[in-house]
Protein backbone atom coordinates (compact mmCIF):
# COMPACT_ATOMS: atom_id res chain seq x y z
CA MET A 1 -21.56 2.34 1.41
CA ARG A 2 -17.93 0.64 2.67
CA GLU A 3 -14.82 3.64 4.05
CA ILE A 4 -12.28 2.78 1.30
CA ILE A 5 -9.11 2.13 2.81
CA TYR A 6 -5.85 2.23 0.15
CA PHE A 7 -3.12 -0.08 1.44
CA ASP A 8 0.55 0.96 -0.09
CA THR A 9 2.46 -2.30 -1.09
CA SER A 10 5.00 -1.21 2.18
CA ALA A 11 2.02 -1.49 4.66
CA LEU A 12 0.59 -4.96 2.35
CA ALA A 13 3.81 -6.90 2.28
CA LYS A 14 3.38 -6.90 6.09
CA TRP A 15 0.25 -9.42 5.23
CA TYR A 16 2.26 -12.51 3.09
CA LEU A 17 5.44 -11.60 5.25
CA ASN A 18 7.04 -12.18 8.83
CA GLU A 19 7.38 -8.43 9.46
CA PRO A 20 6.91 -5.93 12.33
CA ARG A 21 3.40 -5.44 12.58
CA SER A 22 2.36 -7.99 10.52
CA GLU A 23 0.46 -9.21 13.03
CA ASP A 24 -0.99 -5.51 13.05
CA VAL A 25 -1.82 -5.40 9.77
CA GLU A 26 -3.53 -8.77 9.18
CA ASP A 27 -5.57 -7.59 12.83
CA TYR A 28 -6.78 -4.69 10.97
CA ILE A 29 -7.93 -6.21 6.72
CA ARG A 30 -9.74 -8.47 9.09
CA ARG A 31 -11.55 -6.23 10.71
CA ARG A 32 -11.57 -3.42 7.82
CA GLY A 33 -11.29 -5.28 4.38
CA PRO A 34 -11.96 -5.19 2.03
CA VAL A 35 -9.18 -3.08 1.22
CA ASP A 36 -8.15 -1.35 -1.93
CA ILE A 37 -4.48 -1.56 -4.04
CA SER A 38 -3.86 -0.78 -7.32
CA ASP A 39 -2.27 -2.03 -10.49
CA LEU A 40 0.97 -0.40 -8.89
CA THR A 41 0.96 -2.60 -6.27
CA VAL A 42 0.55 -6.18 -8.05
CA LEU A 43 4.03 -4.88 -9.94
CA GLU A 44 5.42 -3.39 -6.17
CA MET A 45 4.37 -6.66 -4.86
CA ARG A 46 6.10 -8.89 -7.46
CA CYS A 47 9.27 -7.08 -7.36
CA LEU A 48 10.01 -7.02 -3.96
CA LEU A 49 9.30 -10.96 -3.65
CA SER A 50 11.87 -11.41 -6.52
CA ARG A 51 14.33 -8.78 -3.96
CA ARG A 52 13.79 -10.85 -1.66
CA ARG A 53 14.46 -13.97 -2.75
CA ARG A 54 17.41 -12.67 -4.68
CA GLU A 55 18.64 -10.90 -1.00
CA GLY A 56 18.10 -14.62 0.24
CA ASN A 57 15.14 -14.00 2.28
CA ILE A 58 13.04 -15.91 1.52
CA ASP A 59 13.01 -18.48 -1.40
CA SER A 60 11.47 -18.99 -5.14
CA LYS A 61 9.23 -21.28 -3.39
CA THR A 62 8.00 -19.15 -0.76
CA GLU A 63 8.00 -16.45 -3.55
CA THR A 64 6.22 -18.28 -5.87
CA LYS A 65 3.75 -19.42 -2.89
CA VAL A 66 3.28 -15.39 -1.28
CA PHE A 67 2.42 -14.29 -5.25
CA ALA A 68 -0.25 -16.84 -6.16
CA THR A 69 -2.13 -16.09 -2.50
CA PHE A 70 -1.54 -12.29 -3.19
CA GLU A 71 -3.09 -13.19 -6.86
CA GLU A 72 -6.17 -15.24 -4.48
CA ASP A 73 -6.73 -12.54 -2.16
CA THR A 74 -7.25 -10.29 -5.31
CA ARG A 75 -8.96 -12.61 -6.79
CA GLN A 76 -11.34 -13.23 -4.28
CA LYS A 77 -12.36 -9.79 -3.64
CA PHE A 78 -10.13 -9.75 -0.38
CA LEU A 79 -7.94 -7.01 -2.25
CA ILE A 80 -9.55 -4.27 -4.33
CA CYS A 81 -7.04 -3.95 -7.73
CA HIS A 82 -8.12 -0.35 -9.25
CA PRO A 83 -6.45 -0.16 -13.05
CA LEU A 84 -4.22 2.82 -13.33
CA GLY A 85 -5.44 5.82 -14.57
CA ALA A 86 -4.70 8.03 -17.80
CA GLY A 87 -4.23 11.05 -15.64
CA LEU A 88 -2.21 9.78 -13.05
CA THR A 89 1.27 10.69 -14.31
CA LEU A 90 -0.17 14.43 -13.72
CA GLY A 91 -1.78 13.71 -10.50
CA ALA A 92 1.09 12.50 -8.99
CA VAL A 93 3.41 15.52 -11.17
CA ASN A 94 1.00 17.51 -9.02
CA ILE A 95 1.60 16.30 -6.26
CA LEU A 96 5.22 16.37 -6.19
CA SER A 97 4.09 20.19 -7.03
CA ILE A 98 2.20 20.61 -3.46
CA LEU A 99 4.61 18.68 -1.40
CA SER A 100 7.53 20.30 -2.70
CA ASP A 101 8.94 20.33 0.81
CA LEU A 102 8.41 16.41 1.61
CA PRO A 103 11.14 14.55 -0.06
CA ILE A 104 8.33 12.14 -1.67
CA ARG A 105 9.26 9.53 -4.26
CA THR A 106 8.32 8.61 -7.38
CA LEU A 107 6.16 5.67 -6.75
CA ASP A 108 4.95 7.51 -3.34
CA ALA A 109 3.46 9.77 -5.75
CA LEU A 110 1.96 7.78 -7.32
CA HIS A 111 0.74 5.56 -5.06
CA LEU A 112 -0.67 9.31 -3.86
CA ALA A 113 -2.24 10.59 -7.21
CA ILE A 114 -4.21 6.76 -7.00
CA ALA A 115 -5.30 7.50 -3.40
CA ARG A 116 -7.25 10.75 -4.62
CA GLU A 117 -8.61 9.59 -7.46
CA ILE A 118 -10.13 6.36 -6.37
CA GLN A 119 -11.22 8.96 -3.02
CA ALA A 120 -9.96 7.05 -0.47
CA GLU A 121 -10.35 8.35 2.80
CA THR A 122 -7.47 6.76 4.34
CA LEU A 123 -3.69 5.73 3.61
CA ALA A 124 -2.16 2.51 5.24
CA THR A 125 1.55 2.59 4.63
CA ALA A 126 4.66 2.30 6.65
CA ASP A 127 6.44 4.59 5.09
CA ARG A 128 6.88 7.55 7.40
CA VAL A 129 7.78 10.76 4.43
CA MET A 130 4.25 8.68 2.48
CA ALA A 131 2.27 9.20 5.69
CA LYS A 132 3.18 12.68 5.92
CA GLY A 133 2.04 13.53 2.64
CA ALA A 134 -1.40 11.45 2.96
CA ARG A 135 -2.12 14.30 6.26
CA ALA A 136 -1.17 17.08 4.10
CA LEU A 137 -3.54 15.90 1.44
CA GLY A 138 -6.39 15.14 4.24
CA LEU A 139 -6.39 11.72 4.39
CA SER A 140 -6.62 10.00 7.82
CA VAL A 141 -3.21 7.67 8.24
CA VAL A 142 -3.00 3.98 9.47
CA ARG A 143 0.68 3.42 10.25
CA PHE A 144 2.46 0.52 10.08
CA ASP A 145 5.77 1.25 10.57
CA THR A 146 8.47 0.78 13.66
CA VAL A 147 6.09 3.79 15.43
CA ARG A 148 2.57 2.01 16.58
CA SER A 149 -0.05 4.14 16.07
CA MET A 150 -3.24 1.80 15.34
CA PRO A 151 -6.28 3.50 14.02
CA ARG A 152 -9.53 4.07 15.31
CA PRO A 153 -11.87 1.11 15.12
């Protein structure tokens, strides 16, 4: 049985865009994949690419190509995409209650609720607050932010 590794958008974007730690993300996914995402990740990736284009960081051709590659990776099952469950909102509300001392944002609470719902063992993120929340919920965490902490092989 494979380990369920949930990637949030902050980490997954590094697989598609040249950012700090992109090579680490690519290496991790190639060694440990497939990895799990959700329909929320699909929505956030679309939004992220549009924002990067509007900000002038990528052009429209790159935006289209990157999103098409992302969709193809989902079709090819390099990324296992989970639908949003009916109880997701309540799960996120519970997480916000449990982690009330952390400044968890709405979408991050939803990602954490999804990770719990799909019984992920590990959460990959580039977000420090998300990492703290995941650890507090008992998940192993792989961080791809500026702190270099590579996971166990």
